[in-house]
Amino acid sequence: MNQLHLKSTQNQKKMKKTVLLLFVGLLSLGIYAQEGTAKIEFKSETIDYGEIAKGSDGVRVFEFTNTGSAPLVISNVRSSCGCTIPKKPEDPILPGKTGQIQVKYDTNRVGPIRKAITVTSNADTPTKILKIKGNVKAEGAK
């Protein structure tokens, strides 16, 4: 009976060591995975068109930098309405490199501009909201 009890105790110790090693291994793997993260940092998260004339150039650019340590992939860019057309970069942005998201607003619509552009990526903050604002003046308005 003593030998059976001794064997059981040895098996429990081996099991505890195995579980501990697995835990430490998984923990270190999780830490390693966090080291390679893309980070997106915009020069400005709001573009102010100011007062612009009807029919004028509605194209503006949001500039950003990947300040992380992994390639940044922008998977989707969408606007809050059909009057704003965003264009995302197709290629990954390498760490330390810059990229652009182009936004074209339909300036044939007279009145205030208040729109949101949602950027989805693999960055540490996967969703960013960018804004455009301004006012399109009617023809002949001062």
N, C-alpha and C. Protein backbone atom coordinates (compact mmCIF):
# COMPACT_ATOMS: atom_id res chain seq x y z
N MET A 1 0.82 -1.19 0.00
CA MET A 1 0.00 0.00 0.00
C MET A 1 0.86 1.25 0.00
N ASN A 2 2.00 1.20 0.73
CA ASN A 2 2.90 2.34 0.76
C ASN A 2 3.46 2.67 -0.61
N GLN A 3 3.81 1.62 -1.37
CA GLN A 3 4.35 1.85 -2.70
C GLN A 3 3.30 2.48 -3.62
N LEU A 4 2.08 2.05 -3.51
CA LEU A 4 1.00 2.62 -4.30
C LEU A 4 0.80 4.09 -3.96
N HIS A 5 0.82 4.42 -2.69
CA HIS A 5 0.69 5.81 -2.26
C HIS A 5 1.87 6.66 -2.74
N LEU A 6 3.09 6.10 -2.67
CA LEU A 6 4.30 6.79 -3.11
C LEU A 6 4.25 7.07 -4.60
N LYS A 7 3.79 6.07 -5.39
CA LYS A 7 3.68 6.23 -6.84
C LYS A 7 2.66 7.32 -7.18
N SER A 8 1.56 7.33 -6.46
CA SER A 8 0.52 8.32 -6.68
C SER A 8 1.04 9.73 -6.39
N THR A 9 1.82 9.88 -5.32
CA THR A 9 2.40 11.18 -4.97
C THR A 9 3.39 11.63 -6.04
N GLN A 10 4.20 10.69 -6.56
CA GLN A 10 5.16 11.03 -7.62
C GLN A 10 4.44 11.46 -8.89
N ASN A 11 3.37 10.76 -9.23
CA ASN A 11 2.60 11.12 -10.42
C ASN A 11 1.97 12.51 -10.27
N GLN A 12 1.51 12.84 -9.07
CA GLN A 12 0.93 14.16 -8.83
C GLN A 12 1.98 15.25 -8.99
N LYS A 13 3.19 15.00 -8.52
CA LYS A 13 4.27 15.98 -8.66
C LYS A 13 4.63 16.19 -10.12
N LYS A 14 4.70 15.09 -10.88
CA LYS A 14 5.00 15.18 -12.32
C LYS A 14 3.90 15.98 -13.02
N MET A 15 2.66 15.71 -12.65
CA MET A 15 1.52 16.41 -13.26
C MET A 15 1.58 17.91 -12.96
N LYS A 16 1.92 18.25 -11.71
CA LYS A 16 2.02 19.66 -11.33
C LYS A 16 3.12 20.35 -12.12
N LYS A 17 4.27 19.68 -12.30
CA LYS A 17 5.37 20.25 -13.07
C LYS A 17 4.97 20.45 -14.53
N THR A 18 4.27 19.48 -15.09
CA THR A 18 3.83 19.57 -16.48
C THR A 18 2.86 20.74 -16.66
N VAL A 19 1.91 20.85 -15.77
CA VAL A 19 0.93 21.95 -15.84
C VAL A 19 1.63 23.29 -15.68
N LEU A 20 2.59 23.38 -14.76
CA LEU A 20 3.34 24.61 -14.55
C LEU A 20 4.13 24.99 -15.81
N LEU A 21 4.80 24.01 -16.41
CA LEU A 21 5.56 24.27 -17.64
C LEU A 21 4.66 24.73 -18.77
N LEU A 22 3.50 24.08 -18.90
CA LEU A 22 2.55 24.50 -19.94
C LEU A 22 2.07 25.93 -19.70
N PHE A 23 1.76 26.25 -18.46
CA PHE A 23 1.30 27.59 -18.12
C PHE A 23 2.36 28.64 -18.44
N VAL A 24 3.60 28.39 -18.03
CA VAL A 24 4.70 29.32 -18.29
C VAL A 24 4.92 29.46 -19.80
N GLY A 25 4.83 28.34 -20.51
CA GLY A 25 5.00 28.37 -21.97
C GLY A 25 3.94 29.20 -22.65
N LEU A 26 2.69 29.01 -22.27
CA LEU A 26 1.60 29.78 -22.86
C LEU A 26 1.69 31.26 -22.50
N LEU A 27 2.09 31.55 -21.28
CA LEU A 27 2.25 32.93 -20.84
C LEU A 27 3.32 33.64 -21.66
N SER A 28 4.44 32.99 -21.86
CA SER A 28 5.53 33.61 -22.63
C SER A 28 5.14 33.76 -24.09
N LEU A 29 4.36 32.82 -24.62
CA LEU A 29 3.90 32.92 -25.99
C LEU A 29 2.98 34.12 -26.14
N GLY A 30 2.11 34.35 -25.16
CA GLY A 30 1.20 35.50 -25.19
C GLY A 30 1.95 36.81 -25.14
N ILE A 31 2.99 36.87 -24.34
CA ILE A 31 3.80 38.08 -24.25
C ILE A 31 4.53 38.32 -25.56
N TYR A 32 5.07 37.26 -26.16
CA TYR A 32 5.77 37.37 -27.43
C TYR A 32 4.83 37.87 -28.53
N ALA A 33 3.60 37.37 -28.55
CA ALA A 33 2.64 37.77 -29.57
C ALA A 33 2.29 39.24 -29.46
N GLN A 34 2.29 39.79 -28.25
CA GLN A 34 1.94 41.20 -28.07
C GLN A 34 3.05 42.12 -28.53
N GLU A 35 4.27 41.63 -28.61
CA GLU A 35 5.39 42.47 -29.02
C GLU A 35 5.25 42.92 -30.47
N GLY A 36 4.73 42.07 -31.33
CA GLY A 36 4.59 42.40 -32.74
C GLY A 36 3.22 42.97 -33.03
N THR A 37 3.00 44.23 -32.68
CA THR A 37 1.70 44.86 -32.86
C THR A 37 1.82 46.10 -33.74
N ALA A 38 0.87 46.25 -34.64
CA ALA A 38 0.80 47.47 -35.45
C ALA A 38 0.10 48.55 -34.63
N LYS A 39 0.53 49.80 -34.81
CA LYS A 39 -0.12 50.93 -34.14
C LYS A 39 -0.30 52.03 -35.18
N ILE A 40 -1.49 52.58 -35.21
CA ILE A 40 -1.79 53.64 -36.18
C ILE A 40 -1.89 54.97 -35.44
N GLU A 41 -1.12 55.94 -35.92
CA GLU A 41 -1.11 57.27 -35.32
C GLU A 41 -1.36 58.30 -36.42
N PHE A 42 -2.51 58.99 -36.33
CA PHE A 42 -2.87 59.97 -37.34
C PHE A 42 -2.26 61.33 -37.00
N LYS A 43 -1.85 62.04 -38.06
CA LYS A 43 -1.35 63.40 -37.89
C LYS A 43 -2.46 64.26 -37.30
N SER A 44 -3.69 64.05 -37.79
CA SER A 44 -4.88 64.72 -37.28
C SER A 44 -6.06 63.79 -37.52
N GLU A 45 -6.97 63.70 -36.56
CA GLU A 45 -8.14 62.84 -36.72
C GLU A 45 -9.36 63.61 -37.21
N THR A 46 -9.19 64.92 -37.45
CA THR A 46 -10.27 65.76 -37.99
C THR A 46 -9.70 66.65 -39.09
N ILE A 47 -10.41 66.71 -40.20
CA ILE A 47 -10.05 67.63 -41.27
C ILE A 47 -11.15 68.68 -41.34
N ASP A 48 -10.74 69.95 -41.28
CA ASP A 48 -11.67 71.07 -41.36
C ASP A 48 -11.57 71.68 -42.75
N TYR A 49 -12.62 71.51 -43.54
CA TYR A 49 -12.66 72.10 -44.89
C TYR A 49 -12.78 73.62 -44.81
N GLY A 50 -13.29 74.11 -43.69
CA GLY A 50 -13.55 75.54 -43.58
C GLY A 50 -14.73 75.91 -44.46
N GLU A 51 -14.74 77.16 -44.93
CA GLU A 51 -15.77 77.62 -45.87
C GLU A 51 -15.27 77.35 -47.28
N ILE A 52 -15.99 76.51 -48.03
CA ILE A 52 -15.58 76.23 -49.41
C ILE A 52 -16.76 76.48 -50.34
N ALA A 53 -16.44 76.78 -51.60
CA ALA A 53 -17.46 77.08 -52.60
C ALA A 53 -18.07 75.79 -53.14
N LYS A 54 -19.33 75.89 -53.54
CA LYS A 54 -20.02 74.77 -54.16
C LYS A 54 -19.25 74.35 -55.41
N GLY A 55 -19.06 73.04 -55.57
CA GLY A 55 -18.37 72.52 -56.75
C GLY A 55 -16.85 72.54 -56.66
N SER A 56 -16.29 73.00 -55.55
CA SER A 56 -14.82 73.05 -55.43
C SER A 56 -14.27 71.65 -55.13
N ASP A 57 -12.95 71.55 -55.11
CA ASP A 57 -12.28 70.27 -54.90
C ASP A 57 -12.57 69.76 -53.48
N GLY A 58 -13.20 68.60 -53.38
CA GLY A 58 -13.57 68.04 -52.09
C GLY A 58 -12.62 66.96 -51.59
N VAL A 59 -11.46 66.80 -52.25
CA VAL A 59 -10.51 65.75 -51.86
C VAL A 59 -9.59 66.25 -50.75
N ARG A 60 -9.50 65.47 -49.68
CA ARG A 60 -8.58 65.75 -48.57
C ARG A 60 -7.91 64.44 -48.18
N VAL A 61 -6.82 64.53 -47.41
CA VAL A 61 -6.04 63.34 -47.06
C VAL A 61 -5.75 63.31 -45.56
N PHE A 62 -6.03 62.15 -44.95
CA PHE A 62 -5.62 61.88 -43.58
C PHE A 62 -4.28 61.15 -43.65
N GLU A 63 -3.25 61.71 -43.04
CA GLU A 63 -1.94 61.06 -43.03
C GLU A 63 -1.75 60.34 -41.70
N PHE A 64 -1.11 59.18 -41.76
CA PHE A 64 -0.86 58.40 -40.55
C PHE A 64 0.50 57.71 -40.63
N THR A 65 0.97 57.26 -39.46
CA THR A 65 2.22 56.53 -39.35
C THR A 65 1.97 55.25 -38.59
N ASN A 66 2.62 54.17 -39.02
CA ASN A 66 2.58 52.92 -38.26
C ASN A 66 3.70 53.01 -37.23
N THR A 67 3.35 53.30 -35.99
CA THR A 67 4.35 53.44 -34.92
C THR A 67 4.56 52.12 -34.17
N GLY A 68 3.97 51.05 -34.68
CA GLY A 68 4.12 49.74 -34.06
C GLY A 68 5.31 48.98 -34.58
N SER A 69 5.34 47.69 -34.28
CA SER A 69 6.47 46.85 -34.67
C SER A 69 6.07 45.75 -35.65
N ALA A 70 4.83 45.81 -36.16
CA ALA A 70 4.34 44.84 -37.14
C ALA A 70 3.69 45.61 -38.29
N PRO A 71 3.62 45.00 -39.48
CA PRO A 71 2.95 45.67 -40.60
C PRO A 71 1.49 46.00 -40.27
N LEU A 72 1.06 47.18 -40.69
CA LEU A 72 -0.30 47.66 -40.47
C LEU A 72 -1.12 47.36 -41.72
N VAL A 73 -2.24 46.67 -41.53
CA VAL A 73 -3.13 46.36 -42.65
C VAL A 73 -4.47 47.02 -42.38
N ILE A 74 -4.85 47.93 -43.26
CA ILE A 74 -6.15 48.59 -43.15
C ILE A 74 -7.13 47.75 -43.96
N SER A 75 -8.07 47.13 -43.27
CA SER A 75 -8.98 46.19 -43.93
C SER A 75 -10.23 46.87 -44.48
N ASN A 76 -10.65 47.99 -43.87
CA ASN A 76 -11.87 48.64 -44.33
C ASN A 76 -11.87 50.10 -43.93
N VAL A 77 -12.41 50.93 -44.81
CA VAL A 77 -12.64 52.35 -44.53
C VAL A 77 -14.02 52.67 -45.10
N ARG A 78 -14.92 53.15 -44.24
CA ARG A 78 -16.27 53.48 -44.72
C ARG A 78 -16.72 54.81 -44.12
N SER A 79 -17.61 55.47 -44.84
CA SER A 79 -18.09 56.77 -44.38
C SER A 79 -19.52 56.64 -43.86
N SER A 80 -19.96 57.69 -43.17
CA SER A 80 -21.30 57.69 -42.59
C SER A 80 -22.39 57.99 -43.61
N CYS A 81 -22.01 58.39 -44.83
CA CYS A 81 -23.01 58.61 -45.88
C CYS A 81 -22.38 58.48 -47.27
N GLY A 82 -23.22 58.44 -48.27
CA GLY A 82 -22.75 58.28 -49.65
C GLY A 82 -22.13 59.53 -50.24
N CYS A 83 -22.21 60.66 -49.54
CA CYS A 83 -21.64 61.91 -50.05
C CYS A 83 -20.13 61.99 -49.82
N THR A 84 -19.60 61.05 -49.05
CA THR A 84 -18.18 61.02 -48.73
C THR A 84 -17.62 59.68 -49.18
N ILE A 85 -16.59 59.73 -50.03
CA ILE A 85 -16.00 58.50 -50.55
C ILE A 85 -14.56 58.39 -50.06
N PRO A 86 -14.29 57.44 -49.14
CA PRO A 86 -12.92 57.25 -48.67
C PRO A 86 -12.18 56.21 -49.52
N LYS A 87 -10.86 56.33 -49.55
CA LYS A 87 -10.02 55.39 -50.29
C LYS A 87 -8.87 54.97 -49.38
N LYS A 88 -8.74 53.65 -49.14
CA LYS A 88 -7.72 53.12 -48.23
C LYS A 88 -6.49 52.67 -49.00
N PRO A 89 -5.34 52.60 -48.31
CA PRO A 89 -4.15 52.03 -48.95
C PRO A 89 -4.35 50.52 -49.14
N GLU A 90 -3.91 49.99 -50.26
CA GLU A 90 -4.08 48.57 -50.55
C GLU A 90 -2.98 47.71 -49.92
N ASP A 91 -1.76 48.25 -49.84
CA ASP A 91 -0.63 47.48 -49.33
C ASP A 91 -0.45 47.70 -47.83
N PRO A 92 0.14 46.72 -47.14
CA PRO A 92 0.45 46.91 -45.71
C PRO A 92 1.44 48.07 -45.53
N ILE A 93 1.31 48.78 -44.42
CA ILE A 93 2.21 49.87 -44.07
C ILE A 93 3.22 49.31 -43.07
N LEU A 94 4.47 49.28 -43.45
CA LEU A 94 5.52 48.71 -42.60
C LEU A 94 5.78 49.58 -41.38
N PRO A 95 6.33 49.01 -40.31
CA PRO A 95 6.64 49.80 -39.11
C PRO A 95 7.52 51.01 -39.44
N GLY A 96 7.12 52.17 -38.90
CA GLY A 96 7.87 53.40 -39.12
C GLY A 96 7.51 54.13 -40.41
N LYS A 97 6.72 53.52 -41.26
CA LYS A 97 6.34 54.13 -42.55
C LYS A 97 5.00 54.86 -42.42
N THR A 98 4.75 55.73 -43.39
CA THR A 98 3.51 56.52 -43.39
C THR A 98 2.57 56.06 -44.50
N GLY A 99 1.31 56.40 -44.34
CA GLY A 99 0.31 56.09 -45.35
C GLY A 99 -0.75 57.18 -45.37
N GLN A 100 -1.68 57.03 -46.30
CA GLN A 100 -2.73 58.04 -46.45
C GLN A 100 -4.09 57.38 -46.67
N ILE A 101 -5.10 58.04 -46.14
CA ILE A 101 -6.49 57.69 -46.44
C ILE A 101 -7.08 58.92 -47.09
N GLN A 102 -7.46 58.75 -48.35
CA GLN A 102 -8.02 59.86 -49.12
C GLN A 102 -9.53 59.89 -48.92
N VAL A 103 -10.07 61.10 -48.77
CA VAL A 103 -11.51 61.29 -48.59
C VAL A 103 -11.98 62.32 -49.61
N LYS A 104 -13.05 61.97 -50.33
CA LYS A 104 -13.61 62.92 -51.30
C LYS A 104 -15.05 63.22 -50.89
N TYR A 105 -15.29 64.50 -50.58
CA TYR A 105 -16.63 64.95 -50.21
C TYR A 105 -17.30 65.59 -51.42
N ASP A 106 -18.59 65.31 -51.61
CA ASP A 106 -19.35 65.88 -52.73
C ASP A 106 -19.70 67.33 -52.41
N THR A 107 -18.92 68.25 -52.97
CA THR A 107 -19.11 69.68 -52.66
C THR A 107 -20.26 70.31 -53.45
N ASN A 108 -21.01 69.53 -54.18
CA ASN A 108 -22.22 70.06 -54.83
C ASN A 108 -23.39 70.11 -53.85
N ARG A 109 -23.18 69.59 -52.65
CA ARG A 109 -24.19 69.65 -51.58
C ARG A 109 -23.90 70.86 -50.72
N VAL A 110 -24.77 71.84 -50.77
CA VAL A 110 -24.60 73.08 -50.03
C VAL A 110 -25.00 72.87 -48.57
N GLY A 111 -24.21 73.48 -47.66
CA GLY A 111 -24.54 73.41 -46.24
C GLY A 111 -23.39 72.87 -45.41
N PRO A 112 -23.65 72.63 -44.14
CA PRO A 112 -22.59 72.17 -43.24
C PRO A 112 -22.12 70.75 -43.55
N ILE A 113 -20.83 70.51 -43.32
CA ILE A 113 -20.23 69.18 -43.46
C ILE A 113 -19.95 68.67 -42.05
N ARG A 114 -20.52 67.54 -41.73
CA ARG A 114 -20.25 66.87 -40.44
C ARG A 114 -20.34 65.37 -40.71
N LYS A 115 -19.23 64.74 -41.08
CA LYS A 115 -19.24 63.33 -41.44
C LYS A 115 -18.17 62.56 -40.68
N ALA A 116 -18.41 61.27 -40.51
CA ALA A 116 -17.46 60.38 -39.83
C ALA A 116 -16.98 59.32 -40.81
N ILE A 117 -15.70 58.98 -40.68
CA ILE A 117 -15.09 57.92 -41.49
C ILE A 117 -14.55 56.89 -40.50
N THR A 118 -14.98 55.64 -40.65
CA THR A 118 -14.57 54.56 -39.75
C THR A 118 -13.45 53.76 -40.41
N VAL A 119 -12.32 53.66 -39.72
CA VAL A 119 -11.15 52.92 -40.22
C VAL A 119 -11.01 51.65 -39.39
N THR A 120 -10.96 50.51 -40.08
CA THR A 120 -10.78 49.22 -39.41
C THR A 120 -9.44 48.63 -39.86
N SER A 121 -8.63 48.20 -38.86
CA SER A 121 -7.29 47.68 -39.17
C SER A 121 -6.87 46.63 -38.15
N ASN A 122 -5.65 46.14 -38.31
CA ASN A 122 -5.09 45.18 -37.35
C ASN A 122 -4.28 45.87 -36.26
N ALA A 123 -4.46 47.17 -36.10
CA ALA A 123 -3.71 47.94 -35.10
C ALA A 123 -4.17 47.58 -33.70
N ASP A 124 -3.39 48.01 -32.70
CA ASP A 124 -3.75 47.75 -31.30
C ASP A 124 -5.10 48.35 -30.95
N THR A 125 -5.48 49.45 -31.62
CA THR A 125 -6.83 50.00 -31.55
C THR A 125 -7.45 49.71 -32.91
N PRO A 126 -8.23 48.63 -33.04
CA PRO A 126 -8.67 48.17 -34.36
C PRO A 126 -9.66 49.07 -35.09
N THR A 127 -10.36 49.95 -34.37
CA THR A 127 -11.31 50.85 -35.01
C THR A 127 -11.01 52.29 -34.61
N LYS A 128 -10.87 53.15 -35.61
CA LYS A 128 -10.64 54.58 -35.39
C LYS A 128 -11.72 55.34 -36.14
N ILE A 129 -12.22 56.42 -35.53
CA ILE A 129 -13.21 57.28 -36.16
C ILE A 129 -12.53 58.59 -36.53
N LEU A 130 -12.53 58.90 -37.82
CA LEU A 130 -12.00 60.18 -38.31
C LEU A 130 -13.19 61.07 -38.66
N LYS A 131 -12.98 62.39 -38.64
CA LYS A 131 -14.08 63.31 -38.90
C LYS A 131 -13.68 64.36 -39.93
N ILE A 132 -14.68 64.74 -40.72
CA ILE A 132 -14.51 65.90 -41.59
C ILE A 132 -15.61 66.90 -41.23
N LYS A 133 -15.26 68.17 -41.34
CA LYS A 133 -16.23 69.21 -41.03
C LYS A 133 -15.97 70.41 -41.92
N GLY A 134 -16.93 71.30 -41.97
CA GLY A 134 -16.79 72.50 -42.78
C GLY A 134 -18.15 72.99 -43.22
N ASN A 135 -18.14 73.84 -44.24
CA ASN A 135 -19.38 74.38 -44.77
C ASN A 135 -19.22 74.67 -46.25
N VAL A 136 -20.15 74.15 -47.06
CA VAL A 136 -20.15 74.41 -48.50
C VAL A 136 -21.11 75.57 -48.75
N LYS A 137 -20.55 76.67 -49.28
CA LYS A 137 -21.35 77.88 -49.55
C LYS A 137 -22.03 77.76 -50.90
N ALA A 138 -23.24 78.32 -51.00
CA ALA A 138 -23.98 78.33 -52.26
C ALA A 138 -23.27 79.29 -53.23
N GLU A 139 -23.52 79.09 -54.52
CA GLU A 139 -22.93 79.96 -55.52
C GLU A 139 -23.38 81.40 -55.29
N GLY A 140 -22.45 82.32 -55.33
CA GLY A 140 -22.75 83.73 -55.13
C GLY A 140 -22.83 84.14 -53.68
N ALA A 141 -22.74 83.20 -52.75
CA ALA A 141 -22.78 83.54 -51.31
C ALA A 141 -21.45 84.10 -50.90
N LYS A 142 -21.49 85.05 -49.96
CA LYS A 142 -20.24 85.67 -49.50
C LYS A 142 -19.86 85.19 -48.14
